Amino acid sequence: MSGDPKGASKGARAKHGPNRRDVVAGAAAISALATGGMPVQAQAPAEPPAPTIRAQLVVNGSSRALDLDPRSSLLDVLRERLALTGAKKGCDHGQCGACTVHLDGRRVASCLTLALQADGRNVTTIEGLSPADGSLHPMQQAFIDHDALQCGYCTPGQIMAAVACVQEGHATSPDQIREYMSGNLCRCGAYVGIVAAIEDAAHKIRQG
């Protein structure tokens, strides 16, 4: 049998035009060129902005009206919205105490406290601890006097917790101080100085 069947097939395609397979292959090649050879992915629709809730916080004696994302932590609002960066973000899980602030006079881990929980309440940070005349709080001075800090990252939270420890009546002995300050970690290991500072400041605070 003479002739080339493959050649005949090509000739038939040339005579009658491209078939379905040729069209699909050409479309795929054009699509690959248009996307740089990468597959086209459908884009997820943009998420709508989270609704906000109006809240009134009294921070270090100043009333602040804020529109808050209900999911925002008090720590993030203090640091990112109010530029009060004394409270530190350490573990962000309530385990290190670096973010300790006072809420209505009670110490709280601000990373675990929703900002909306402070609506209408008094928040005190390390920036608001000193007297209005600019002098240091007795606990701040005691931390300096007893060398109760090294890198200083945990120090604001340590001082806020220490003040609360004294106000709660839990600073009557070194063992009691260690127990009630156990939620505040110092990775530099300045615990001996911290206990001595709290004992010293507690005596001065009780004397007024």
C-alpha atoms as a PDB file:
ATOM      1  CA  MET A   1       0.000   0.000   0.000  1.00  0.00           C
ATOM      2  CA  SER A   2       1.491   3.312  -1.047  1.00  0.00           C
ATOM      3  CA  GLY A   3       1.278   6.713   0.577  1.00  0.00           C
ATOM      4  CA  ASP A   4       1.791   7.989   4.109  1.00  0.00           C
ATOM      5  CA  PRO A   5      -1.292   7.783   6.358  1.00  0.00           C
ATOM      6  CA  LYS A   6       0.192  10.366   8.724  1.00  0.00           C
ATOM      7  CA  GLY A   7       0.875  12.668   5.831  1.00  0.00           C
ATOM      8  CA  ALA A   8      -2.668  12.129   4.618  1.00  0.00           C
ATOM      9  CA  SER A   9      -4.018  13.021   8.060  1.00  0.00           C
ATOM     10  CA  LYS A  10      -2.029  16.253   8.112  1.00  0.00           C
ATOM     11  CA  GLY A  11      -3.220  17.061   4.644  1.00  0.00           C
ATOM     12  CA  ALA A  12      -6.810  16.494   5.682  1.00  0.00           C
ATOM     13  CA  ARG A  13      -6.432  18.851   8.621  1.00  0.00           C
ATOM     14  CA  ALA A  14      -4.865  21.457   6.347  1.00  0.00           C
ATOM     15  CA  LYS A  15      -7.768  21.073   3.936  1.00  0.00           C
ATOM     16  CA  HIS A  16     -10.610  21.109   6.440  1.00  0.00           C
ATOM     17  CA  GLY A  17      -9.119  23.412   9.128  1.00  0.00           C
ATOM     18  CA  PRO A  18      -8.091  22.696  12.778  1.00  0.00           C
ATOM     19  CA  ASN A  19     -10.027  20.110  14.753  1.00  0.00           C
ATOM     20  CA  ARG A  20     -11.213  20.345  18.399  1.00  0.00           C
ATOM     21  CA  ARG A  21      -7.921  19.076  19.816  1.00  0.00           C
ATOM     22  CA  ASP A  22      -5.975  21.794  17.980  1.00  0.00           C
ATOM     23  CA  VAL A  23      -8.274  24.509  19.354  1.00  0.00           C
ATOM     24  CA  VAL A  24      -7.950  23.292  22.978  1.00  0.00           C
ATOM     25  CA  ALA A  25      -4.161  23.041  22.736  1.00  0.00           C
ATOM     26  CA  GLY A  26      -3.915  26.544  21.273  1.00  0.00           C
ATOM     27  CA  ALA A  27      -6.100  28.036  24.005  1.00  0.00           C
ATOM     28  CA  ALA A  28      -3.971  26.399  26.702  1.00  0.00           C
ATOM     29  CA  ALA A  29      -0.788  27.804  25.174  1.00  0.00           C
ATOM     30  CA  ILE A  30      -2.243  31.328  25.008  1.00  0.00           C
ATOM     31  CA  SER A  31      -3.406  31.090  28.646  1.00  0.00           C
ATOM     32  CA  ALA A  32       0.045  29.972  29.786  1.00  0.00           C
ATOM     33  CA  LEU A  33       1.696  32.890  27.980  1.00  0.00           C
ATOM     34  CA  ALA A  34      -0.754  35.389  29.472  1.00  0.00           C
ATOM     35  CA  THR A  35      -0.103  34.240  33.045  1.00  0.00           C
ATOM     36  CA  GLY A  36       3.626  33.748  32.761  1.00  0.00           C
ATOM     37  CA  GLY A  37       3.229  29.999  32.806  1.00  0.00           C
ATOM     38  CA  MET A  38       1.472  30.054  36.218  1.00  0.00           C
ATOM     39  CA  PRO A  39      -1.988  28.603  36.753  1.00  0.00           C
ATOM     40  CA  VAL A  40      -4.760  31.130  37.220  1.00  0.00           C
ATOM     41  CA  GLN A  41      -6.099  31.165  40.788  1.00  0.00           C
ATOM     42  CA  ALA A  42      -9.409  32.598  41.849  1.00  0.00           C
ATOM     43  CA  GLN A  43      -8.975  35.469  44.307  1.00  0.00           C
ATOM     44  CA  ALA A  44     -10.873  35.257  47.575  1.00  0.00           C
ATOM     45  CA  PRO A  45     -13.247  38.158  48.128  1.00  0.00           C
ATOM     46  CA  ALA A  46     -11.890  40.832  50.473  1.00  0.00           C
ATOM     47  CA  GLU A  47     -13.132  40.556  54.054  1.00  0.00           C
ATOM     48  CA  PRO A  48     -15.319  43.435  55.176  1.00  0.00           C
ATOM     49  CA  PRO A  49     -13.812  45.592  57.952  1.00  0.00           C
ATOM     50  CA  ALA A  50     -14.592  44.402  61.456  1.00  0.00           C
ATOM     51  CA  PRO A  51     -17.334  46.385  63.202  1.00  0.00           C
ATOM     52  CA  THR A  52     -16.116  48.698  65.954  1.00  0.00           C
ATOM     53  CA  ILE A  53     -17.647  49.580  69.294  1.00  0.00           C
ATOM     54  CA  ARG A  54     -17.312  52.954  70.999  1.00  0.00           C
ATOM     55  CA  ALA A  55     -15.665  52.752  74.415  1.00  0.00           C
ATOM     56  CA  GLN A  56     -14.505  55.230  77.037  1.00  0.00           C
ATOM     57  CA  LEU A  57     -11.260  54.318  78.793  1.00  0.00           C
ATOM     58  CA  VAL A  58      -9.730  56.304  81.644  1.00  0.00           C
ATOM     59  CA  VAL A  59      -6.003  55.720  81.202  1.00  0.00           C
ATOM     60  CA  ASN A  60      -3.609  57.205  83.744  1.00  0.00           C
ATOM     61  CA  GLY A  61      -6.277  59.716  84.719  1.00  0.00           C
ATOM     62  CA  SER A  62      -7.114  60.842  81.174  1.00  0.00           C
ATOM     63  CA  SER A  63     -10.434  59.902  79.586  1.00  0.00           C
ATOM     64  CA  ARG A  64     -10.075  58.515  76.055  1.00  0.00           C
ATOM     65  CA  ALA A  65     -12.945  57.766  73.661  1.00  0.00           C
ATOM     66  CA  LEU A  66     -11.977  55.039  71.200  1.00  0.00           C
ATOM     67  CA  ASP A  67     -13.650  53.017  68.468  1.00  0.00           C
ATOM     68  CA  LEU A  68     -12.455  49.509  69.255  1.00  0.00           C
ATOM     69  CA  ASP A  69     -12.414  46.235  67.396  1.00  0.00           C
ATOM     70  CA  PRO A  70     -14.165  43.877  69.838  1.00  0.00           C
ATOM     71  CA  ARG A  71     -11.279  41.429  69.418  1.00  0.00           C
ATOM     72  CA  SER A  72      -8.539  43.894  70.430  1.00  0.00           C
ATOM     73  CA  SER A  73      -6.607  43.214  73.613  1.00  0.00           C
ATOM     74  CA  LEU A  74      -6.033  45.968  76.126  1.00  0.00           C
ATOM     75  CA  LEU A  75      -2.290  45.550  75.574  1.00  0.00           C
ATOM     76  CA  ASP A  76      -2.548  46.194  71.833  1.00  0.00           C
ATOM     77  CA  VAL A  77      -4.774  49.238  72.335  1.00  0.00           C
ATOM     78  CA  LEU A  78      -2.385  50.713  74.907  1.00  0.00           C
ATOM     79  CA  ARG A  79       0.662  50.164  72.736  1.00  0.00           C
ATOM     80  CA  GLU A  80      -0.674  50.754  69.218  1.00  0.00           C
ATOM     81  CA  ARG A  81      -3.507  53.237  69.731  1.00  0.00           C
ATOM     82  CA  LEU A  82      -2.333  55.230  72.758  1.00  0.00           C
ATOM     83  CA  ALA A  83       1.469  54.926  72.320  1.00  0.00           C
ATOM     84  CA  LEU A  84       1.861  53.683  75.905  1.00  0.00           C
ATOM     85  CA  THR A  85       4.605  51.162  75.281  1.00  0.00           C
ATOM     86  CA  GLY A  86       5.665  50.578  78.883  1.00  0.00           C
ATOM     87  CA  ALA A  87       3.578  47.407  79.075  1.00  0.00           C
ATOM     88  CA  LYS A  88       5.539  44.851  77.072  1.00  0.00           C
ATOM     89  CA  LYS A  89       4.344  42.072  74.810  1.00  0.00           C
ATOM     90  CA  GLY A  90       6.306  39.078  76.049  1.00  0.00           C
ATOM     91  CA  CYS A  91       4.573  35.735  75.615  1.00  0.00           C
ATOM     92  CA  ASP A  92       1.154  37.174  74.581  1.00  0.00           C
ATOM     93  CA  HIS A  93      -0.384  34.200  76.427  1.00  0.00           C
ATOM     94  CA  GLY A  94      -0.632  35.558  79.986  1.00  0.00           C
ATOM     95  CA  GLN A  95       2.295  33.488  81.237  1.00  0.00           C
ATOM     96  CA  CYS A  96       5.165  35.971  81.699  1.00  0.00           C
ATOM     97  CA  GLY A  97       3.610  39.060  83.330  1.00  0.00           C
ATOM     98  CA  ALA A  98       5.491  41.577  81.160  1.00  0.00           C
ATOM     99  CA  CYS A  99       2.180  43.208  80.174  1.00  0.00           C
ATOM    100  CA  THR A 100       0.878  43.721  83.734  1.00  0.00           C
ATOM    101  CA  VAL A 101      -1.207  46.865  84.267  1.00  0.00           C
ATOM    102  CA  HIS A 102      -3.792  47.865  86.877  1.00  0.00           C
ATOM    103  CA  LEU A 103      -7.491  47.795  86.075  1.00  0.00           C
ATOM    104  CA  ASP A 104      -9.485  49.585  88.795  1.00  0.00           C
ATOM    105  CA  GLY A 105      -6.500  49.068  91.073  1.00  0.00           C
ATOM    106  CA  ARG A 106      -6.171  45.326  90.445  1.00  0.00           C
ATOM    107  CA  ARG A 107      -3.335  43.829  88.435  1.00  0.00           C
ATOM    108  CA  VAL A 108      -4.274  42.142  85.170  1.00  0.00           C
ATOM    109  CA  ALA A 109      -2.432  40.581  82.253  1.00  0.00           C
ATOM    110  CA  SER A 110      -3.380  43.095  79.583  1.00  0.00           C
ATOM    111  CA  CYS A 111      -2.612  40.655  76.769  1.00  0.00           C
ATOM    112  CA  LEU A 112      -5.517  38.467  77.979  1.00  0.00           C
ATOM    113  CA  THR A 113      -7.854  41.371  78.779  1.00  0.00           C
ATOM    114  CA  LEU A 114     -10.156  42.588  76.024  1.00  0.00           C
ATOM    115  CA  ALA A 115      -9.957  46.333  75.617  1.00  0.00           C
ATOM    116  CA  LEU A 116     -13.743  46.542  75.848  1.00  0.00           C
ATOM    117  CA  GLN A 117     -13.546  45.094  79.359  1.00  0.00           C
ATOM    118  CA  ALA A 118     -11.923  48.383  80.367  1.00  0.00           C
ATOM    119  CA  ASP A 119     -14.838  50.456  79.093  1.00  0.00           C
ATOM    120  CA  GLY A 120     -15.654  53.043  81.779  1.00  0.00           C
ATOM    121  CA  ARG A 121     -12.911  51.762  84.071  1.00  0.00           C
ATOM    122  CA  ASN A 122      -9.572  53.108  85.283  1.00  0.00           C
ATOM    123  CA  VAL A 123      -6.418  51.760  83.689  1.00  0.00           C
ATOM    124  CA  THR A 124      -3.005  52.514  85.179  1.00  0.00           C
ATOM    125  CA  THR A 125       0.188  51.714  83.291  1.00  0.00           C
ATOM    126  CA  ILE A 126       3.810  52.163  84.318  1.00  0.00           C
ATOM    127  CA  GLU A 127       3.692  55.597  82.653  1.00  0.00           C
ATOM    128  CA  GLY A 128       1.047  56.729  85.133  1.00  0.00           C
ATOM    129  CA  LEU A 129       2.621  55.302  88.284  1.00  0.00           C
ATOM    130  CA  SER A 130       4.884  58.234  89.170  1.00  0.00           C
ATOM    131  CA  PRO A 131       3.499  61.216  91.138  1.00  0.00           C
ATOM    132  CA  ALA A 132       2.532  64.335  89.239  1.00  0.00           C
ATOM    133  CA  ASP A 133       5.648  66.169  90.445  1.00  0.00           C
ATOM    134  CA  GLY A 134       7.822  63.862  88.334  1.00  0.00           C
ATOM    135  CA  SER A 135       9.459  62.015  91.211  1.00  0.00           C
ATOM    136  CA  LEU A 136       9.682  58.239  91.192  1.00  0.00           C
ATOM    137  CA  HIS A 137       7.212  55.949  92.860  1.00  0.00           C
ATOM    138  CA  PRO A 138       8.809  54.226  95.905  1.00  0.00           C
ATOM    139  CA  MET A 139       8.730  50.899  94.058  1.00  0.00           C
ATOM    140  CA  GLN A 140      10.530  52.366  91.048  1.00  0.00           C
ATOM    141  CA  GLN A 141      13.193  53.852  93.305  1.00  0.00           C
ATOM    142  CA  ALA A 142      13.572  50.580  95.196  1.00  0.00           C
ATOM    143  CA  PHE A 143      14.156  48.660  91.960  1.00  0.00           C
ATOM    144  CA  ILE A 144      17.006  51.070  91.188  1.00  0.00           C
ATOM    145  CA  ASP A 145      18.438  50.958  94.702  1.00  0.00           C
ATOM    146  CA  HIS A 146      18.475  47.143  94.843  1.00  0.00           C
ATOM    147  CA  ASP A 147      19.609  46.595  91.251  1.00  0.00           C
ATOM    148  CA  ALA A 148      16.409  44.634  90.593  1.00  0.00           C
ATOM    149  CA  LEU A 149      16.710  44.766  86.808  1.00  0.00           C
ATOM    150  CA  GLN A 150      19.128  43.784  84.093  1.00  0.00           C
ATOM    151  CA  CYS A 151      17.836  43.980  80.527  1.00  0.00           C
ATOM    152  CA  GLY A 152      14.771  45.851  81.789  1.00  0.00           C
ATOM    153  CA  TYR A 153      12.233  44.242  79.452  1.00  0.00           C
ATOM    154  CA  CYS A 154      10.178  42.690  82.247  1.00  0.00           C
ATOM    155  CA  THR A 155      10.715  45.571  84.687  1.00  0.00           C
ATOM    156  CA  PRO A 156       7.518  47.600  83.987  1.00  0.00           C
ATOM    157  CA  GLY A 157       5.375  44.512  84.525  1.00  0.00           C
ATOM    158  CA  GLN A 158       7.404  43.521  87.578  1.00  0.00           C
ATOM    159  CA  ILE A 159       6.932  46.971  89.150  1.00  0.00           C
ATOM    160  CA  MET A 160       3.184  47.081  88.438  1.00  0.00           C
ATOM    161  CA  ALA A 161       2.758  43.604  89.898  1.00  0.00           C
ATOM    162  CA  ALA A 162       4.935  44.536  92.882  1.00  0.00           C
ATOM    163  CA  VAL A 163       2.842  47.613  93.689  1.00  0.00           C
ATOM    164  CA  ALA A 164      -0.308  45.479  93.526  1.00  0.00           C
ATOM    165  CA  CYS A 165       1.371  42.833  95.691  1.00  0.00           C
ATOM    166  CA  VAL A 166       1.953  45.418  98.427  1.00  0.00           C
ATOM    167  CA  GLN A 167      -1.549  46.909  98.085  1.00  0.00           C
ATOM    168  CA  GLU A 168      -3.079  43.424  98.357  1.00  0.00           C
ATOM    169  CA  GLY A 169      -1.223  42.811 101.624  1.00  0.00           C
ATOM    170  CA  HIS A 170       0.914  40.040 100.154  1.00  0.00           C
ATOM    171  CA  ALA A 171       4.351  41.515 100.837  1.00  0.00           C
ATOM    172  CA  THR A 172       4.824  40.644 104.492  1.00  0.00           C
ATOM    173  CA  SER A 173       7.653  38.120 104.008  1.00  0.00           C
ATOM    174  CA  PRO A 174      10.127  37.040 101.301  1.00  0.00           C
ATOM    175  CA  ASP A 175       8.288  33.731 100.848  1.00  0.00           C
ATOM    176  CA  GLN A 176       4.956  35.489 100.428  1.00  0.00           C
ATOM    177  CA  ILE A 177       6.461  37.931  97.926  1.00  0.00           C
ATOM    178  CA  ARG A 178       7.880  35.060  95.886  1.00  0.00           C
ATOM    179  CA  GLU A 179       4.510  33.327  95.899  1.00  0.00           C
ATOM    180  CA  TYR A 180       2.470  36.338  94.804  1.00  0.00           C
ATOM    181  CA  MET A 181       5.062  37.503  92.254  1.00  0.00           C
ATOM    182  CA  SER A 182       5.420  34.058  90.689  1.00  0.00           C
ATOM    183  CA  GLY A 183       3.381  35.095  87.651  1.00  0.00           C
ATOM    184  CA  ASN A 184       6.058  37.594  86.596  1.00  0.00           C
ATOM    185  CA  LEU A 185       9.106  36.026  84.984  1.00  0.00           C
ATOM    186  CA  CYS A 186      12.576  37.571  84.743  1.00  0.00           C
ATOM    187  CA  ARG A 187      14.669  35.815  82.142  1.00  0.00           C
ATOM    188  CA  CYS A 188      17.777  37.584  83.463  1.00  0.00           C
ATOM    189  CA  GLY A 189      17.225  36.027  86.894  1.00  0.00           C
ATOM    190  CA  ALA A 190      17.152  39.231  88.957  1.00  0.00           C
ATOM    191  CA  TYR A 191      14.802  37.670  91.504  1.00  0.00           C
ATOM    192  CA  VAL A 192      16.978  38.309  94.569  1.00  0.00           C
ATOM    193  CA  GLY A 193      17.038  42.041  93.831  1.00  0.00           C
ATOM    194  CA  ILE A 194      13.318  42.077  93.024  1.00  0.00           C
ATOM    195  CA  VAL A 195      12.366  40.530  96.374  1.00  0.00           C
ATOM    196  CA  ALA A 196      14.665  42.931  98.241  1.00  0.00           C
ATOM    197  CA  ALA A 197      13.200  45.905  96.357  1.00  0.00           C
ATOM    198  CA  ILE A 198       9.631  44.899  97.179  1.00  0.00           C
ATOM    199  CA  GLU A 199      10.464  44.432 100.869  1.00  0.00           C
ATOM    200  CA  ASP A 200      12.089  47.871 100.978  1.00  0.00           C
ATOM    201  CA  ALA A 201       9.293  49.637  99.065  1.00  0.00           C
ATOM    202  CA  ALA A 202       6.560  47.885 101.037  1.00  0.00           C
ATOM    203  CA  HIS A 203       7.956  49.318 104.268  1.00  0.00           C
ATOM    204  CA  LYS A 204       8.068  52.844 102.786  1.00  0.00           C
ATOM    205  CA  ILE A 205       4.600  52.591 101.253  1.00  0.00           C
ATOM    206  CA  ARG A 206       3.082  51.492 104.560  1.00  0.00           C
ATOM    207  CA  GLN A 207       4.700  54.474 106.232  1.00  0.00           C
ATOM    208  CA  GLY A 208       3.091  56.734 103.669  1.00  0.00           C
END
